PDB file of N, CA and C in Angstrom:
ATOM      1  N   UNK A   1     108.529  89.660 108.087  1.00  0.00           N
ATOM      2  CA  UNK A   1     108.222  90.105 106.360  1.00  0.00           C
ATOM      3  C   UNK A   1     107.893  88.890 106.004  1.00  0.00           C
ATOM      4  N   UNK A   2     107.014  88.053 105.415  1.00  0.00           N
ATOM      5  CA  UNK A   2     106.641  87.064 104.963  1.00  0.00           C
ATOM      6  C   UNK A   2     106.957  86.956 102.732  1.00  0.00           C
ATOM      7  N   UNK A   3     108.457  86.085 103.093  1.00  0.00           N
ATOM      8  CA  UNK A   3     108.485  86.622 101.631  1.00  0.00           C
ATOM      9  C   UNK A   3     107.810  85.673 100.710  1.00  0.00           C
ATOM     10  N   UNK A   4     107.293  85.012  99.820  1.00  0.00           N
ATOM     11  CA  UNK A   4     106.512  84.383  98.307  1.00  0.00           C
ATOM     12  C   UNK A   4     106.726  85.229  97.378  1.00  0.00           C
ATOM     13  N   UNK A   5     106.971  84.106  96.235  1.00  0.00           N
ATOM     14  CA  UNK A   5     106.467  84.207  95.358  1.00  0.00           C
ATOM     15  C   UNK A   5     104.631  84.880  94.489  1.00  0.00           C
ATOM     16  N   UNK A   6     105.322  85.316  94.026  1.00  0.00           N
ATOM     17  CA  UNK A   6     103.056  86.116  93.060  1.00  0.00           C
ATOM     18  C   UNK A   6     103.649  85.170  91.762  1.00  0.00           C
ATOM     19  N   UNK A   7     102.838  84.316  91.487  1.00  0.00           N
ATOM     20  CA  UNK A   7     102.357  83.466  90.289  1.00  0.00           C
ATOM     21  C   UNK A   7     101.542  84.149  89.305  1.00  0.00           C
ATOM     22  N   UNK A   8     101.577  83.196  87.796  1.00  0.00           N
ATOM     23  CA  UNK A   8     100.543  83.826  87.183  1.00  0.00           C
ATOM     24  C   UNK A   8      99.225  83.553  87.684  1.00  0.00           C
ATOM     25  N   UNK A   9      99.079  82.640  89.049  1.00  0.00           N
ATOM     26  CA  UNK A   9      97.261  81.604  89.186  1.00  0.00           C
ATOM     27  C   UNK A   9      97.007  83.244  90.232  1.00  0.00           C
ATOM     28  N   UNK A  10      98.212  83.675  90.786  1.00  0.00           N
ATOM     29  CA  UNK A  10      98.130  85.278  92.147  1.00  0.00           C
ATOM     30  C   UNK A  10      97.781  85.971  91.067  1.00  0.00           C
ATOM     31  N   UNK A  11      98.243  86.310  90.026  1.00  0.00           N
ATOM     32  CA  UNK A  11      98.091  87.803  89.346  1.00  0.00           C
ATOM     33  C   UNK A  11      96.502  87.800  88.741  1.00  0.00           C
ATOM     34  N   UNK A  12      95.808  86.219  87.876  1.00  0.00           N
ATOM     35  CA  UNK A  12      94.648  86.423  87.668  1.00  0.00           C
ATOM     36  C   UNK A  12      93.629  86.297  88.337  1.00  0.00           C
ATOM     37  N   UNK A  13      93.759  85.574  90.146  1.00  0.00           N
ATOM     38  CA  UNK A  13      93.056  85.695  91.154  1.00  0.00           C
ATOM     39  C   UNK A  13      92.827  87.594  91.736  1.00  0.00           C
ATOM     40  N   UNK A  14      94.053  88.404  91.155  1.00  0.00           N
ATOM     41  CA  UNK A  14      93.957  89.626  91.849  1.00  0.00           C
ATOM     42  C   UNK A  14      93.127  90.580  90.966  1.00  0.00           C
ATOM     43  N   UNK A  15      93.265  90.123  89.819  1.00  0.00           N
ATOM     44  CA  UNK A  15      92.662  90.367  88.552  1.00  0.00           C
ATOM     45  C   UNK A  15      90.812  90.593  88.229  1.00  0.00           C
ATOM     46  N   UNK A  16      90.737  88.863  89.014  1.00  0.00           N
ATOM     47  CA  UNK A  16      89.132  88.440  89.335  1.00  0.00           C
ATOM     48  C   UNK A  16      88.680  89.425  90.509  1.00  0.00           C
ATOM     49  N   UNK A  17      89.206  89.560  91.337  1.00  0.00           N
ATOM     50  CA  UNK A  17      88.628  90.153  92.281  1.00  0.00           C
ATOM     51  C   UNK A  17      88.981  91.914  92.409  1.00  0.00           C
ATOM     52  N   UNK A  18      89.617  91.853  91.702  1.00  0.00           N
ATOM     53  CA  UNK A  18      89.780  93.611  91.604  1.00  0.00           C
ATOM     54  C   UNK A  18      89.095  94.352  90.333  1.00  0.00           C
ATOM     55  N   UNK A  19      89.123  93.255  89.546  1.00  0.00           N
ATOM     56  CA  UNK A  19      88.578  94.606  88.083  1.00  0.00           C
ATOM     57  C   UNK A  19      87.285  93.861  88.344  1.00  0.00           C
ATOM     58  N   UNK A  20      86.755  92.818  88.895  1.00  0.00           N
ATOM     59  CA  UNK A  20      85.521  91.930  88.239  1.00  0.00           C
ATOM     60  C   UNK A  20      84.959  90.764  86.786  1.00  0.00           C
ATOM     61  N   UNK A  21      86.336  90.489  86.541  1.00  0.00           N
ATOM     62  CA  UNK A  21      86.003  89.772  85.059  1.00  0.00           C
ATOM     63  C   UNK A  21      85.597  88.112  85.109  1.00  0.00           C
ATOM     64  N   UNK A  22      85.265  87.583  84.747  1.00  0.00           N
ATOM     65  CA  UNK A  22      85.355  86.402  85.011  1.00  0.00           C
ATOM     66  C   UNK A  22      86.590  85.949  85.376  1.00  0.00           C
ATOM     67  N   UNK A  23      86.828  84.028  86.321  1.00  0.00           N
ATOM     68  CA  UNK A  23      88.334  83.977  86.033  1.00  0.00           C
ATOM     69  C   UNK A  23      89.353  83.289  85.053  1.00  0.00           C
ATOM     70  N   UNK A  24      88.165  83.010  83.818  1.00  0.00           N
ATOM     71  CA  UNK A  24      89.030  82.564  82.784  1.00  0.00           C
ATOM     72  C   UNK A  24      88.895  83.706  82.319  1.00  0.00           C
ATOM     73  N   UNK A  25      88.207  85.032  82.236  1.00  0.00           N
ATOM     74  CA  UNK A  25      88.742  86.360  81.282  1.00  0.00           C
ATOM     75  C   UNK A  25      89.958  86.720  81.980  1.00  0.00           C
ATOM     76  N   UNK A  26      89.787  86.633  83.173  1.00  0.00           N
ATOM     77  CA  UNK A  26      90.880  87.215  84.138  1.00  0.00           C
ATOM     78  C   UNK A  26      92.317  86.647  83.485  1.00  0.00           C
ATOM     79  N   UNK A  27      92.027  85.289  83.651  1.00  0.00           N
ATOM     80  CA  UNK A  27      93.842  84.482  83.472  1.00  0.00           C
ATOM     81  C   UNK A  27      94.029  84.550  81.703  1.00  0.00           C
ATOM     82  N   UNK A  28      93.149  85.052  80.936  1.00  0.00           N
ATOM     83  CA  UNK A  28      93.163  85.468  79.473  1.00  0.00           C
ATOM     84  C   UNK A  28      93.682  87.134  79.265  1.00  0.00           C
ATOM     85  N   UNK A  29      93.288  87.561  80.143  1.00  0.00           N
ATOM     86  CA  UNK A  29      94.286  88.897  80.395  1.00  0.00           C
ATOM     87  C   UNK A  29      95.241  89.593  80.751  1.00  0.00           C
ATOM     88  N   UNK A  30      95.755  88.632  82.119  1.00  0.00           N
ATOM     89  CA  UNK A  30      97.402  87.981  82.389  1.00  0.00           C
ATOM     90  C   UNK A  30      97.779  87.840  81.373  1.00  0.00           C
ATOM     91  N   UNK A  31      97.463  86.636  81.212  1.00  0.00           N
ATOM     92  CA  UNK A  31      98.589  86.165  79.389  1.00  0.00           C
ATOM     93  C   UNK A  31      98.596  86.555  78.127  1.00  0.00           C
ATOM     94  N   UNK A  32      97.635  87.600  78.279  1.00  0.00           N
ATOM     95  CA  UNK A  32      97.791  88.854  76.786  1.00  0.00           C
ATOM     96  C   UNK A  32      99.168  89.378  77.167  1.00  0.00           C
ATOM     97  N   UNK A  33      98.433  90.051  78.222  1.00  0.00           N
ATOM     98  CA  UNK A  33      99.788  91.205  78.965  1.00  0.00           C
ATOM     99  C   UNK A  33     101.466  90.115  79.154  1.00  0.00           C
ATOM    100  N   UNK A  34     101.518  89.389  79.606  1.00  0.00           N
ATOM    101  CA  UNK A  34     102.398  88.609  79.982  1.00  0.00           C
ATOM    102  C   UNK A  34     103.066  88.477  78.263  1.00  0.00           C
ATOM    103  N   UNK A  35     102.726  88.422  77.535  1.00  0.00           N
ATOM    104  CA  UNK A  35     102.974  87.293  76.285  1.00  0.00           C
ATOM    105  C   UNK A  35     103.453  89.149  75.214  1.00  0.00           C
ATOM    106  N   UNK A  36     102.497  89.494  75.737  1.00  0.00           N
ATOM    107  CA  UNK A  36     102.793  90.997  74.889  1.00  0.00           C
ATOM    108  C   UNK A  36     104.007  91.515  75.443  1.00  0.00           C
ATOM    109  N   UNK A  37     104.453  91.185  76.393  1.00  0.00           N
ATOM    110  CA  UNK A  37     105.867  91.699  77.534  1.00  0.00           C
ATOM    111  C   UNK A  37     106.859  91.020  76.984  1.00  0.00           C
ATOM    112  N   UNK A  38     106.798  89.795  76.530  1.00  0.00           N
ATOM    113  CA  UNK A  38     107.513  89.119  76.054  1.00  0.00           C
ATOM    114  C   UNK A  38     107.588  89.041  74.578  1.00  0.00           C
ATOM    115  N   UNK A  39     107.216  89.462  74.182  1.00  0.00           N
ATOM    116  CA  UNK A  39     106.787  89.808  72.244  1.00  0.00           C
ATOM    117  C   UNK A  39     107.999  91.097  72.268  1.00  0.00           C
ATOM    118  N   UNK A  40     107.668  92.202  73.047  1.00  0.00           N
ATOM    119  CA  UNK A  40     108.671  93.026  73.237  1.00  0.00           C
ATOM    120  C   UNK A  40     109.676  93.065  73.378  1.00  0.00           C
ATOM    121  N   UNK A  41     109.920  92.738  74.445  1.00  0.00           N
ATOM    122  CA  UNK A  41     111.293  92.141  75.148  1.00  0.00           C
ATOM    123  C   UNK A  41     112.059  91.476  73.787  1.00  0.00           C
ATOM    124  N   UNK A  42     111.432  90.201  73.085  1.00  0.00           N
ATOM    125  CA  UNK A  42     112.345  89.623  71.825  1.00  0.00           C
ATOM    126  C   UNK A  42     112.586  90.170  71.045  1.00  0.00           C
ATOM    127  N   UNK A  43     111.223  91.242  70.613  1.00  0.00           N
ATOM    128  CA  UNK A  43     111.457  91.973  69.659  1.00  0.00           C
ATOM    129  C   UNK A  43     112.535  93.600  69.909  1.00  0.00           C
ATOM    130  N   UNK A  44     112.315  94.773  70.550  1.00  0.00           N
ATOM    131  CA  UNK A  44     112.262  95.401  70.810  1.00  0.00           C
ATOM    132  C   UNK A  44     113.650  95.686  71.702  1.00  0.00           C
ATOM    133  N   UNK A  45     113.641  95.109  73.087  1.00  0.00           N
ATOM    134  CA  UNK A  45     114.564  94.500  73.900  1.00  0.00           C
ATOM    135  C   UNK A  45     114.046  95.744  75.088  1.00  0.00           C
ATOM    136  N   UNK A  46     112.843  95.649  75.168  1.00  0.00           N
ATOM    137  CA  UNK A  46     112.756  97.027  76.577  1.00  0.00           C
ATOM    138  C   UNK A  46     110.966  96.999  76.403  1.00  0.00           C
ATOM    139  N   UNK A  47     111.093  96.924  77.968  1.00  0.00           N
ATOM    140  CA  UNK A  47     109.405  97.255  78.478  1.00  0.00           C
ATOM    141  C   UNK A  47     109.569  98.206  79.574  1.00  0.00           C
ATOM    142  N   UNK A  48     108.529  99.492  79.617  1.00  0.00           N
ATOM    143  CA  UNK A  48     108.345 100.114  80.170  1.00  0.00           C
ATOM    144  C   UNK A  48     107.313 100.044  81.078  1.00  0.00           C
ATOM    145  N   UNK A  49     107.056 100.666  82.275  1.00  0.00           N
ATOM    146  CA  UNK A  49     105.895 100.434  83.270  1.00  0.00           C
ATOM    147  C   UNK A  49     105.589 101.380  84.414  1.00  0.00           C
ATOM    148  N   UNK A  50     105.319 102.523  83.612  1.00  0.00           N
ATOM    149  CA  UNK A  50     105.575 103.558  84.762  1.00  0.00           C
ATOM    150  C   UNK A  50     105.505 103.144  86.076  1.00  0.00           C
ATOM    151  N   UNK A  51     105.581 104.028  87.193  1.00  0.00           N
ATOM    152  CA  UNK A  51     105.597 103.674  88.677  1.00  0.00           C
ATOM    153  C   UNK A  51     105.754 102.455  88.903  1.00  0.00           C
ATOM    154  N   UNK A  52     106.371 101.447  87.811  1.00  0.00           N
ATOM    155  CA  UNK A  52     107.088 100.214  88.657  1.00  0.00           C
ATOM    156  C   UNK A  52     108.219 100.174  87.706  1.00  0.00           C
ATOM    157  N   UNK A  53     108.995  99.775  86.633  1.00  0.00           N
ATOM    158  CA  UNK A  53     110.176  99.920  86.309  1.00  0.00           C
ATOM    159  C   UNK A  53     110.096  99.563  84.796  1.00  0.00           C
ATOM    160  N   UNK A  54     111.396  99.245  84.474  1.00  0.00           N
ATOM    161  CA  UNK A  54     111.612  99.221  83.233  1.00  0.00           C
ATOM    162  C   UNK A  54     112.323  97.403  83.267  1.00  0.00           C
ATOM    163  N   UNK A  55     111.462  96.327  82.065  1.00  0.00           N
ATOM    164  CA  UNK A  55     112.333  95.533  81.307  1.00  0.00           C
ATOM    165  C   UNK A  55     113.400  95.526  80.741  1.00  0.00           C
ATOM    166  N   UNK A  56     114.435  95.244  80.783  1.00  0.00           N
ATOM    167  CA  UNK A  56     115.072  95.746  79.172  1.00  0.00           C
ATOM    168  C   UNK A  56     116.003  94.029  79.109  1.00  0.00           C
ATOM    169  N   UNK A  57     116.685  93.940  77.255  1.00  0.00           N
ATOM    170  CA  UNK A  57     117.310  92.877  77.047  1.00  0.00           C
ATOM    171  C   UNK A  57     118.294  93.845  77.012  1.00  0.00           C
ATOM    172  N   UNK A  58     119.807  92.218  77.406  1.00  0.00           N
ATOM    173  CA  UNK A  58     121.085  93.549  77.585  1.00  0.00           C
ATOM    174  C   UNK A  58     122.041  92.038  76.619  1.00  0.00           C
ATOM    175  N   UNK A  59     122.828  92.641  75.868  1.00  0.00           N
ATOM    176  CA  UNK A  59     123.887  91.482  74.864  1.00  0.00           C
ATOM    177  C   UNK A  59     125.303  91.524  76.295  1.00  0.00           C
ATOM    178  N   UNK A  60     125.525  90.118  76.125  1.00  0.00           N
ATOM    179  CA  UNK A  60     127.136  89.847  77.156  1.00  0.00           C
ATOM    180  C   UNK A  60     127.567  89.052  75.841  1.00  0.00           C
ATOM    181  N   UNK A  61     128.331  89.511  75.669  1.00  0.00           N
ATOM    182  CA  UNK A  61     129.877  88.939  74.947  1.00  0.00           C
ATOM    183  C   UNK A  61     129.959  87.935  75.936  1.00  0.00           C
ATOM    184  N   UNK A  62     131.141  87.315  75.132  1.00  0.00           N
ATOM    185  CA  UNK A  62     131.684  86.025  75.096  1.00  0.00           C
ATOM    186  C   UNK A  62     132.985  86.734  75.798  1.00  0.00           C
ATOM    187  N   UNK A  63     133.297  85.175  77.067  1.00  0.00           N
ATOM    188  CA  UNK A  63     134.097  85.702  78.090  1.00  0.00           C
ATOM    189  C   UNK A  63     134.354  84.276  78.782  1.00  0.00           C
ATOM    190  N   UNK A  64     135.377  84.303  79.042  1.00  0.00           N
ATOM    191  CA  UNK A  64     136.302  83.304  79.819  1.00  0.00           C
ATOM    192  C   UNK A  64     135.543  83.269  81.498  1.00  0.00           C
ATOM    193  N   UNK A  65     135.130  81.891  81.780  1.00  0.00           N
ATOM    194  CA  UNK A  65     135.030  81.709  83.092  1.00  0.00           C
ATOM    195  C   UNK A  65     135.614  80.900  83.312  1.00  0.00           C
ATOM    196  N   UNK A  66     135.610  79.917  84.637  1.00  0.00           N
ATOM    197  CA  UNK A  66     136.175  79.217  85.797  1.00  0.00           C
ATOM    198  C   UNK A  66     135.371  78.226  86.062  1.00  0.00           C
ATOM    199  N   UNK A  67     135.413  76.808  85.675  1.00  0.00           N
ATOM    200  CA  UNK A  67     135.118  76.292  86.676  1.00  0.00           C
ATOM    201  C   UNK A  67     135.512  76.223  87.876  1.00  0.00           C
ATOM    202  N   UNK A  68     134.216  76.070  89.085  1.00  0.00           N
ATOM    203  CA  UNK A  68     134.660  76.516  90.225  1.00  0.00           C
ATOM    204  C   UNK A  68     135.491  75.311  91.303  1.00  0.00           C
ATOM    205  N   UNK A  69     135.072  73.760  90.748  1.00  0.00           N
ATOM    206  CA  UNK A  69     135.537  72.956  91.309  1.00  0.00           C
ATOM    207  C   UNK A  69     136.846  72.194  90.778  1.00  0.00           C
ATOM    208  N   UNK A  70     137.438  72.868  89.511  1.00  0.00           N
ATOM    209  CA  UNK A  70     138.620  72.195  88.865  1.00  0.00           C
ATOM    210  C   UNK A  70     139.209  72.926  88.486  1.00  0.00           C
ATOM    211  N   UNK A  71     138.888  74.587  88.652  1.00  0.00           N
ATOM    212  CA  UNK A  71     139.348  75.599  88.145  1.00  0.00           C
ATOM    213  C   UNK A  71     139.889  75.593  86.674  1.00  0.00           C
ATOM    214  N   UNK A  72     139.626  74.681  85.698  1.00  0.00           N
ATOM    215  CA  UNK A  72     139.533  74.944  84.670  1.00  0.00           C
ATOM    216  C   UNK A  72     138.765  76.039  83.757  1.00  0.00           C
ATOM    217  N   UNK A  73     139.364  76.675  82.828  1.00  0.00           N
ATOM    218  CA  UNK A  73     139.208  77.698  81.654  1.00  0.00           C
ATOM    219  C   UNK A  73     137.514  76.925  81.134  1.00  0.00           C
ATOM    220  N   UNK A  74     136.492  77.583  80.859  1.00  0.00           N
ATOM    221  CA  UNK A  74     135.417  77.491  80.354  1.00  0.00           C
ATOM    222  C   UNK A  74     134.952  78.398  79.646  1.00  0.00           C
ATOM    223  N   UNK A  75     135.069  78.495  78.229  1.00  0.00           N
ATOM    224  CA  UNK A  75     134.509  79.704  77.227  1.00  0.00           C
ATOM    225  C   UNK A  75     132.752  79.933  77.785  1.00  0.00           C
ATOM    226  N   UNK A  76     132.424  80.995  77.830  1.00  0.00           N
ATOM    227  CA  UNK A  76     131.446  81.189  78.396  1.00  0.00           C
ATOM    228  C   UNK A  76     130.913  82.353  77.156  1.00  0.00           C
ATOM    229  N   UNK A  77     129.592  81.727  75.873  1.00  0.00           N
ATOM    230  CA  UNK A  77     129.427  82.189  74.596  1.00  0.00           C
ATOM    231  C   UNK A  77     128.473  83.008  74.958  1.00  0.00           C
ATOM    232  N   UNK A  78     128.344  84.061  73.822  1.00  0.00           N
ATOM    233  CA  UNK A  78     127.339  85.923  74.456  1.00  0.00           C
ATOM    234  C   UNK A  78     126.478  85.303  74.164  1.00  0.00           C
ATOM    235  N   UNK A  79     125.311  86.063  74.718  1.00  0.00           N
ATOM    236  CA  UNK A  79     124.057  85.733  75.237  1.00  0.00           C
ATOM    237  C   UNK A  79     123.394  86.704  75.253  1.00  0.00           C
ATOM    238  N   UNK A  80     122.172  87.276  75.412  1.00  0.00           N
ATOM    239  CA  UNK A  80     121.406  87.937  76.298  1.00  0.00           C
ATOM    240  C   UNK A  80     120.483  87.726  77.106  1.00  0.00           C
ATOM    241  N   UNK A  81     120.453  88.763  77.647  1.00  0.00           N
ATOM    242  CA  UNK A  81     120.148  88.390  79.491  1.00  0.00           C
ATOM    243  C   UNK A  81     119.065  89.839  79.352  1.00  0.00           C
ATOM    244  N   UNK A  82     118.176  89.585  80.651  1.00  0.00           N
ATOM    245  CA  UNK A  82     117.092  89.898  80.915  1.00  0.00           C
ATOM    246  C   UNK A  82     117.446  90.779  81.798  1.00  0.00           C
ATOM    247  N   UNK A  83     117.088  92.315  82.171  1.00  0.00           N
ATOM    248  CA  UNK A  83     117.912  92.661  83.571  1.00  0.00           C
ATOM    249  C   UNK A  83     116.253  93.801  83.716  1.00  0.00           C
ATOM    250  N   UNK A  84     116.103  94.613  85.325  1.00  0.00           N
ATOM    251  CA  UNK A  84     114.858  94.815  85.126  1.00  0.00           C
ATOM    252  C   UNK A  84     115.539  95.940  86.414  1.00  0.00           C
ATOM    253  N   UNK A  85     114.902  96.803  85.605  1.00  0.00           N
ATOM    254  CA  UNK A  85     115.233  98.601  86.871  1.00  0.00           C
ATOM    255  C   UNK A  85     113.873  99.127  87.122  1.00  0.00           C
ATOM    256  N   UNK A  86     114.486  99.111  88.397  1.00  0.00           N
ATOM    257  CA  UNK A  86     112.819  99.691  89.535  1.00  0.00           C
ATOM    258  C   UNK A  86     112.985 101.129  89.368  1.00  0.00           C
ATOM    259  N   UNK A  87     111.212 101.289  89.124  1.00  0.00           N
ATOM    260  CA  UNK A  87     111.692 102.733  89.022  1.00  0.00           C
ATOM    261  C   UNK A  87     111.715 103.646  90.610  1.00  0.00           C
ATOM    262  N   UNK A  88     112.288 104.881  89.928  1.00  0.00           N
ATOM    263  CA  UNK A  88     112.214 105.830  91.702  1.00  0.00           C
ATOM    264  C   UNK A  88     110.400 105.323  92.679  1.00  0.00           C
ATOM    265  N   UNK A  89     109.947 104.855  92.047  1.00  0.00           N
ATOM    266  CA  UNK A  89     108.504 105.375  92.909  1.00  0.00           C
ATOM    267  C   UNK A  89     108.253 103.911  93.534  1.00  0.00           C
ATOM    268  N   UNK A  90     108.615 102.919  92.614  1.00  0.00           N
ATOM    269  CA  UNK A  90     108.760 101.513  93.298  1.00  0.00           C
ATOM    270  C   UNK A  90     109.510 101.457  94.611  1.00  0.00           C
ATOM    271  N   UNK A  91     110.782 102.153  94.378  1.00  0.00           N
ATOM    272  CA  UNK A  91     112.234 101.956  94.917  1.00  0.00           C
ATOM    273  C   UNK A  91     111.855 102.662  96.685  1.00  0.00           C
ATOM    274  N   UNK A  92     111.006 103.621  96.546  1.00  0.00           N
ATOM    275  CA  UNK A  92     110.113 104.504  97.317  1.00  0.00           C
ATOM    276  C   UNK A  92     109.649 103.719  98.725  1.00  0.00           C
ATOM    277  N   UNK A  93     108.366 102.669  97.664  1.00  0.00           N
ATOM    278  CA  UNK A  93     107.818 102.406  98.514  1.00  0.00           C
ATOM    279  C   UNK A  93     108.113 101.163  99.037  1.00  0.00           C
ATOM    280  N   UNK A  94     109.359 100.418  98.615  1.00  0.00           N
ATOM    281  CA  UNK A  94     110.281  99.334  98.815  1.00  0.00           C
ATOM    282  C   UNK A  94     111.306  99.694 100.445  1.00  0.00           C
ATOM    283  N   UNK A  95     111.339 100.915 100.132  1.00  0.00           N
ATOM    284  CA  UNK A  95     112.463 101.496 101.237  1.00  0.00           C
ATOM    285  C   UNK A  95     111.813 102.754 101.362  1.00  0.00           C
ATOM    286  N   UNK A  96     111.038 103.039 101.773  1.00  0.00           N
ATOM    287  CA  UNK A  96     110.113 103.986 102.820  1.00  0.00           C
ATOM    288  C   UNK A  96     110.782 104.843 103.927  1.00  0.00           C
ATOM    289  N   UNK A  97     111.524 104.483 104.435  1.00  0.00           N
ATOM    290  CA  UNK A  97     112.099 104.960 106.139  1.00  0.00           C
ATOM    291  C   UNK A  97     113.048 106.195 104.848  1.00  0.00           C
ATOM    292  N   UNK A  98     114.283 105.623 103.498  1.00  0.00           N
ATOM    293  CA  UNK A  98     114.624 105.873 103.042  1.00  0.00           C
ATOM    294  C   UNK A  98     113.835 107.626 102.422  1.00  0.00           C
ATOM    295  N   UNK A  99     113.276 108.169 102.054  1.00  0.00           N
ATOM    296  CA  UNK A  99     112.398 108.561 101.655  1.00  0.00           C
ATOM    297  C   UNK A  99     111.365 109.731 102.879  1.00  0.00           C
ATOM    298  N   UNK A 100     111.857 109.548 104.066  1.00  0.00           N
ATOM    299  CA  UNK A 100     110.992 110.120 105.152  1.00  0.00           C
ATOM    300  C   UNK A 100     109.646 110.125 105.235  1.00  0.00           C
ATOM    301  N   UNK A 101     108.734 109.266 103.653  1.00  0.00           N
ATOM    302  CA  UNK A 101     107.301 109.244 103.644  1.00  0.00           C
ATOM    303  C   UNK A 101     107.261 108.229 104.475  1.00  0.00           C
ATOM    304  N   UNK A 102     107.727 107.048 105.373  1.00  0.00           N
ATOM    305  CA  UNK A 102     107.600 105.851 105.993  1.00  0.00           C
ATOM    306  C   UNK A 102     107.374 106.227 107.701  1.00  0.00           C
TER     307      UNK A 102
END
């Protein structure tokens, strides 16, 4: 299985090939979608894409961590983190042998 990262350029090329927009229009569309997702996550904290999954922002409280080299305790400040929960459709596509459809 060849593992590789899908880039913004790859998404732009896919839109160009599948939809037939120009390359610059495809790039603008991809940027627009990603920008809207970013704004929604920053303000509302959640983006749901049917048959794909849900991106959500979670708050993590302050906690004490440990420096692995020295063993010294270090406070870790509260922060917001991005999490992704795949839909059942996506899970089934990734693991078809578990659903009996592969």
